Amino acid sequence: NNCKCKQSWGGCNNSCCNPDGDLNEWCMVEDANCEDSDWGFCKPPGSDPQTCQDSPPRWIDAEQDTCATYGMLGYCTKDGDYGSGWHKSWGTFSDYANQGHSATSACCACGGGLDIASKCRDKDWVDSDGDTCATYSEASWCDHLGSYGFGWHEEWGSFAGSPNAAKACCYCGG
């Protein structure tokens, strides 16, 4: 949610880290009011939720790695090149293709994905807290299937309103 992260906390010395080993890195925020919590998810490197969506939705490679994994672990660059996390011994991206796509065609973090900026226009909409479609996109509160994104906190409940973000916002599938 563009909240400022603490630089060092609980054994993490790089703002964002993944102490529980789940899919997304997170941080302790400096101002709990910013996130309505003392923690928040960090955006995967190379993600640009305002203009791009991974496509096909929820793509995984032949080894079950997601686009988020490719971005977070530095397997690729935004230019479609191999990143510092990719080992040459693994072969090429196309060796891991699935559903007719490699990471370079499916993942925004790797230079692929779907350019949504030219395909859709958000409705003039705000939720009950005054948050706009831009906020939902920037904070990754939703995904392009209308589901909750990695920035959404479970304790916030469901998307509310009529229409809700999933219907009003391009990034949320609207």
C-alpha atoms as a PDB file:
ATOM      1  CA  ASN A   1       0.000   0.000   0.000  1.00  0.00           C
ATOM      2  CA  ASN A   2       3.071   2.160  -0.486  1.00  0.00           C
ATOM      3  CA  CYS A   3       3.615   2.190   3.271  1.00  0.00           C
ATOM      4  CA  LYS A   4       7.169   2.752   4.455  1.00  0.00           C
ATOM      5  CA  CYS A   5       8.825  -0.420   5.707  1.00  0.00           C
ATOM      6  CA  LYS A   6      11.160  -0.659   8.663  1.00  0.00           C
ATOM      7  CA  GLN A   7      14.699  -1.271   7.395  1.00  0.00           C
ATOM      8  CA  SER A   8      15.532  -3.856  10.040  1.00  0.00           C
ATOM      9  CA  TRP A   9      13.168  -6.020  12.076  1.00  0.00           C
ATOM     10  CA  GLY A  10      13.066  -9.523  13.574  1.00  0.00           C
ATOM     11  CA  GLY A  11      16.174 -10.822  11.833  1.00  0.00           C
ATOM     12  CA  CYS A  12      15.351  -9.114   8.523  1.00  0.00           C
ATOM     13  CA  ASN A  13      17.959  -6.539   7.514  1.00  0.00           C
ATOM     14  CA  ASN A  14      16.626  -5.641   4.073  1.00  0.00           C
ATOM     15  CA  SER A  15      13.130  -4.200   4.703  1.00  0.00           C
ATOM     16  CA  CYS A  16      11.338  -6.999   2.836  1.00  0.00           C
ATOM     17  CA  CYS A  17      12.031 -10.639   3.541  1.00  0.00           C
ATOM     18  CA  ASN A  18      10.252 -13.945   3.882  1.00  0.00           C
ATOM     19  CA  PRO A  19      10.861 -15.361   7.374  1.00  0.00           C
ATOM     20  CA  ASP A  20       7.981 -17.863   7.172  1.00  0.00           C
ATOM     21  CA  GLY A  21       8.949 -19.221   3.752  1.00  0.00           C
ATOM     22  CA  ASP A  22       5.603 -18.494   2.091  1.00  0.00           C
ATOM     23  CA  LEU A  23       5.294 -17.163  -1.464  1.00  0.00           C
ATOM     24  CA  ASN A  24       5.475 -13.418  -0.799  1.00  0.00           C
ATOM     25  CA  GLU A  25       7.969 -11.233   0.991  1.00  0.00           C
ATOM     26  CA  TRP A  26       6.604  -8.881   3.619  1.00  0.00           C
ATOM     27  CA  CYS A  27       7.791  -6.200   6.015  1.00  0.00           C
ATOM     28  CA  MET A  28       6.954  -4.523   9.281  1.00  0.00           C
ATOM     29  CA  VAL A  29       5.586  -1.059   8.503  1.00  0.00           C
ATOM     30  CA  GLU A  30       6.701   2.088  10.311  1.00  0.00           C
ATOM     31  CA  ASP A  31       3.140   3.400  10.647  1.00  0.00           C
ATOM     32  CA  ALA A  32       0.529   0.760  11.482  1.00  0.00           C
ATOM     33  CA  ASN A  33      -2.228   3.215  10.485  1.00  0.00           C
ATOM     34  CA  CYS A  34      -0.986   3.158   6.885  1.00  0.00           C
ATOM     35  CA  GLU A  35      -1.746  -0.534   6.439  1.00  0.00           C
ATOM     36  CA  ASP A  36      -4.285  -0.930   9.270  1.00  0.00           C
ATOM     37  CA  SER A  37      -1.786  -3.507  10.504  1.00  0.00           C
ATOM     38  CA  ASP A  38       1.819  -3.609  11.682  1.00  0.00           C
ATOM     39  CA  TRP A  39       2.893  -5.525   8.559  1.00  0.00           C
ATOM     40  CA  GLY A  40       2.329  -5.478   4.799  1.00  0.00           C
ATOM     41  CA  PHE A  41       3.253  -7.455   1.680  1.00  0.00           C
ATOM     42  CA  CYS A  42       6.034  -6.207  -0.563  1.00  0.00           C
ATOM     43  CA  LYS A  43       5.539  -6.011  -4.317  1.00  0.00           C
ATOM     44  CA  PRO A  44       7.511  -8.564  -6.316  1.00  0.00           C
ATOM     45  CA  PRO A  45      10.433  -6.995  -8.188  1.00  0.00           C
ATOM     46  CA  GLY A  46       9.555  -6.055 -11.726  1.00  0.00           C
ATOM     47  CA  SER A  47       5.828  -6.050 -11.163  1.00  0.00           C
ATOM     48  CA  ASP A  48       3.922  -3.103 -12.547  1.00  0.00           C
ATOM     49  CA  PRO A  49       0.301  -3.707 -11.650  1.00  0.00           C
ATOM     50  CA  GLN A  50      -0.929  -0.489 -13.253  1.00  0.00           C
ATOM     51  CA  THR A  51      -0.116  -1.483 -16.816  1.00  0.00           C
ATOM     52  CA  CYS A  52       0.493  -5.222 -16.968  1.00  0.00           C
ATOM     53  CA  GLN A  53      -1.122  -8.474 -15.891  1.00  0.00           C
ATOM     54  CA  ASP A  54       0.393 -11.919 -16.096  1.00  0.00           C
ATOM     55  CA  SER A  55      -1.280 -13.884 -18.862  1.00  0.00           C
ATOM     56  CA  PRO A  56      -2.529 -16.553 -18.941  1.00  0.00           C
ATOM     57  CA  PRO A  57      -3.932 -15.982 -15.455  1.00  0.00           C
ATOM     58  CA  ARG A  58      -2.120 -17.842 -12.680  1.00  0.00           C
ATOM     59  CA  TRP A  59       0.415 -19.264 -15.143  1.00  0.00           C
ATOM     60  CA  ILE A  60       2.909 -21.791 -13.773  1.00  0.00           C
ATOM     61  CA  ASP A  61       5.914 -23.252 -15.523  1.00  0.00           C
ATOM     62  CA  ALA A  62       6.627 -26.964 -15.974  1.00  0.00           C
ATOM     63  CA  GLU A  63       8.216 -27.034 -12.489  1.00  0.00           C
ATOM     64  CA  GLN A  64       5.200 -25.298 -10.846  1.00  0.00           C
ATOM     65  CA  ASP A  65       6.965 -21.924 -10.458  1.00  0.00           C
ATOM     66  CA  THR A  66       4.707 -18.864 -10.803  1.00  0.00           C
ATOM     67  CA  CYS A  67       5.352 -15.475 -12.372  1.00  0.00           C
ATOM     68  CA  ALA A  68       5.705 -14.094  -8.833  1.00  0.00           C
ATOM     69  CA  THR A  69       8.466 -16.625  -8.189  1.00  0.00           C
ATOM     70  CA  TYR A  70      10.314 -15.578 -11.350  1.00  0.00           C
ATOM     71  CA  GLY A  71      10.139 -11.943 -10.267  1.00  0.00           C
ATOM     72  CA  MET A  72      10.875 -12.357  -6.560  1.00  0.00           C
ATOM     73  CA  LEU A  73      13.784 -14.746  -7.031  1.00  0.00           C
ATOM     74  CA  GLY A  74      15.287 -12.744  -9.884  1.00  0.00           C
ATOM     75  CA  TYR A  75      15.042 -15.518 -12.469  1.00  0.00           C
ATOM     76  CA  CYS A  76      14.393 -12.938 -15.184  1.00  0.00           C
ATOM     77  CA  THR A  77      14.584  -9.233 -15.925  1.00  0.00           C
ATOM     78  CA  LYS A  78      11.837  -6.899 -17.116  1.00  0.00           C
ATOM     79  CA  ASP A  79      13.597  -6.966 -20.513  1.00  0.00           C
ATOM     80  CA  GLY A  80      13.082 -10.733 -20.850  1.00  0.00           C
ATOM     81  CA  ASP A  81      16.705 -11.621 -20.109  1.00  0.00           C
ATOM     82  CA  TYR A  82      17.989 -14.075 -17.530  1.00  0.00           C
ATOM     83  CA  GLY A  83      18.238 -12.547 -14.065  1.00  0.00           C
ATOM     84  CA  SER A  84      20.845 -13.036 -11.368  1.00  0.00           C
ATOM     85  CA  GLY A  85      18.733 -15.780  -9.749  1.00  0.00           C
ATOM     86  CA  TRP A  86      18.708 -17.986 -12.864  1.00  0.00           C
ATOM     87  CA  HIS A  87      21.357 -20.729 -13.052  1.00  0.00           C
ATOM     88  CA  LYS A  88      22.712 -21.485 -16.528  1.00  0.00           C
ATOM     89  CA  SER A  89      22.666 -25.188 -15.659  1.00  0.00           C
ATOM     90  CA  TRP A  90      18.858 -24.999 -15.624  1.00  0.00           C
ATOM     91  CA  GLY A  91      18.751 -24.430 -19.382  1.00  0.00           C
ATOM     92  CA  THR A  92      16.463 -21.899 -21.045  1.00  0.00           C
ATOM     93  CA  PHE A  93      13.108 -20.382 -20.136  1.00  0.00           C
ATOM     94  CA  SER A  94      11.538 -22.310 -22.998  1.00  0.00           C
ATOM     95  CA  ASP A  95      12.682 -25.576 -21.347  1.00  0.00           C
ATOM     96  CA  TYR A  96      10.093 -24.775 -18.667  1.00  0.00           C
ATOM     97  CA  ALA A  97       7.271 -23.662 -20.968  1.00  0.00           C
ATOM     98  CA  ASN A  98       3.721 -24.594 -19.998  1.00  0.00           C
ATOM     99  CA  GLN A  99       0.329 -23.841 -21.571  1.00  0.00           C
ATOM    100  CA  GLY A 100       2.161 -22.668 -24.695  1.00  0.00           C
ATOM    101  CA  HIS A 101       4.060 -19.960 -22.779  1.00  0.00           C
ATOM    102  CA  SER A 102       7.438 -19.431 -21.213  1.00  0.00           C
ATOM    103  CA  ALA A 103       8.008 -16.854 -18.495  1.00  0.00           C
ATOM    104  CA  THR A 104       9.030 -14.276 -21.107  1.00  0.00           C
ATOM    105  CA  SER A 105       5.599 -14.384 -22.740  1.00  0.00           C
ATOM    106  CA  ALA A 106       3.452 -14.981 -19.640  1.00  0.00           C
ATOM    107  CA  CYS A 107       5.030 -12.884 -16.881  1.00  0.00           C
ATOM    108  CA  CYS A 108       5.118  -9.105 -16.540  1.00  0.00           C
ATOM    109  CA  ALA A 109       8.263  -9.412 -14.420  1.00  0.00           C
ATOM    110  CA  CYS A 110       9.955 -11.068 -17.418  1.00  0.00           C
ATOM    111  CA  GLY A 111       8.777  -8.679 -20.119  1.00  0.00           C
ATOM    112  CA  GLY A 112       5.633 -10.623 -21.042  1.00  0.00           C
ATOM    113  CA  GLY A 113       2.077 -10.513 -19.800  1.00  0.00           C
ATOM    114  CA  LEU A 114      -0.888  -8.513 -21.012  1.00  0.00           C
ATOM    115  CA  ASP A 115      -0.825  -4.742 -21.518  1.00  0.00           C
ATOM    116  CA  ILE A 116      -4.048  -3.719 -19.792  1.00  0.00           C
ATOM    117  CA  ALA A 117      -3.553   0.033 -20.019  1.00  0.00           C
ATOM    118  CA  SER A 118      -4.667   0.060 -23.642  1.00  0.00           C
ATOM    119  CA  LYS A 119      -7.470  -2.497 -23.251  1.00  0.00           C
ATOM    120  CA  CYS A 120      -9.656  -1.186 -20.427  1.00  0.00           C
ATOM    121  CA  ARG A 121     -10.742   1.984 -18.617  1.00  0.00           C
ATOM    122  CA  ASP A 122     -11.572   2.047 -14.906  1.00  0.00           C
ATOM    123  CA  LYS A 123     -14.991   3.252 -13.845  1.00  0.00           C
ATOM    124  CA  ASP A 124     -15.169   6.440 -11.757  1.00  0.00           C
ATOM    125  CA  TRP A 125     -15.449   4.450  -8.525  1.00  0.00           C
ATOM    126  CA  VAL A 126     -14.417   4.497  -4.860  1.00  0.00           C
ATOM    127  CA  ASP A 127     -14.997   1.902  -2.165  1.00  0.00           C
ATOM    128  CA  SER A 128     -16.581   2.610   1.218  1.00  0.00           C
ATOM    129  CA  ASP A 129     -13.186   3.719   2.606  1.00  0.00           C
ATOM    130  CA  GLY A 130     -12.583   6.127  -0.281  1.00  0.00           C
ATOM    131  CA  ASP A 131     -10.027   3.921  -2.065  1.00  0.00           C
ATOM    132  CA  THR A 132      -9.980   4.093  -5.871  1.00  0.00           C
ATOM    133  CA  CYS A 133      -9.145   1.580  -8.579  1.00  0.00           C
ATOM    134  CA  ALA A 134      -5.636   3.065  -8.661  1.00  0.00           C
ATOM    135  CA  THR A 135      -5.214   2.202  -4.977  1.00  0.00           C
ATOM    136  CA  TYR A 136      -6.362  -1.378  -5.543  1.00  0.00           C
ATOM    137  CA  SER A 137      -3.898  -1.704  -8.405  1.00  0.00           C
ATOM    138  CA  GLU A 138      -0.918  -0.017  -6.722  1.00  0.00           C
ATOM    139  CA  ALA A 139      -1.371  -1.983  -3.494  1.00  0.00           C
ATOM    140  CA  SER A 140      -2.095  -5.278  -5.315  1.00  0.00           C
ATOM    141  CA  TRP A 141      -5.303  -5.722  -3.343  1.00  0.00           C
ATOM    142  CA  CYS A 142      -6.836  -7.697  -6.221  1.00  0.00           C
ATOM    143  CA  ASP A 143      -5.819  -9.724  -9.241  1.00  0.00           C
ATOM    144  CA  HIS A 144      -7.173  -9.635 -12.769  1.00  0.00           C
ATOM    145  CA  LEU A 145      -9.509 -12.548 -12.056  1.00  0.00           C
ATOM    146  CA  GLY A 146     -11.434 -10.478  -9.509  1.00  0.00           C
ATOM    147  CA  SER A 147      -9.874 -12.368  -6.589  1.00  0.00           C
ATOM    148  CA  TYR A 148      -7.855 -10.990  -3.705  1.00  0.00           C
ATOM    149  CA  GLY A 149      -4.290  -9.970  -4.539  1.00  0.00           C
ATOM    150  CA  PHE A 150      -1.225 -10.552  -2.392  1.00  0.00           C
ATOM    151  CA  GLY A 151      -1.636  -7.113  -0.771  1.00  0.00           C
ATOM    152  CA  TRP A 152      -5.161  -7.803   0.545  1.00  0.00           C
ATOM    153  CA  HIS A 153      -5.404  -8.602   4.259  1.00  0.00           C
ATOM    154  CA  GLU A 154      -7.781 -11.397   5.178  1.00  0.00           C
ATOM    155  CA  GLU A 155      -9.059  -9.479   8.210  1.00  0.00           C
ATOM    156  CA  TRP A 156     -10.406  -6.764   5.879  1.00  0.00           C
ATOM    157  CA  GLY A 157     -13.173  -9.124   4.763  1.00  0.00           C
ATOM    158  CA  SER A 158     -14.528  -9.154   1.221  1.00  0.00           C
ATOM    159  CA  PHE A 159     -14.702  -6.563  -1.546  1.00  0.00           C
ATOM    160  CA  ALA A 160     -17.758  -4.467  -0.749  1.00  0.00           C
ATOM    161  CA  GLY A 161     -20.070  -2.189  -2.668  1.00  0.00           C
ATOM    162  CA  SER A 162     -22.002  -2.329  -5.869  1.00  0.00           C
ATOM    163  CA  PRO A 163     -20.211  -2.394  -8.098  1.00  0.00           C
ATOM    164  CA  ASN A 164     -17.206  -3.662  -6.198  1.00  0.00           C
ATOM    165  CA  ALA A 165     -13.546  -3.509  -7.267  1.00  0.00           C
ATOM    166  CA  ALA A 166     -13.848  -6.736  -9.253  1.00  0.00           C
ATOM    167  CA  LYS A 167     -16.479  -5.071 -11.487  1.00  0.00           C
ATOM    168  CA  ALA A 168     -15.265  -1.453 -11.520  1.00  0.00           C
ATOM    169  CA  CYS A 169     -11.480  -1.737 -11.883  1.00  0.00           C
ATOM    170  CA  CYS A 170      -9.593  -3.035 -14.904  1.00  0.00           C
ATOM    171  CA  TYR A 171      -6.766  -4.419 -12.814  1.00  0.00           C
ATOM    172  CA  CYS A 172      -9.298  -6.350 -10.721  1.00  0.00           C
ATOM    173  CA  GLY A 173     -10.943  -7.950 -13.733  1.00  0.00           C
ATOM    174  CA  GLY A 174     -13.630  -5.274 -14.333  1.00  0.00           C
END
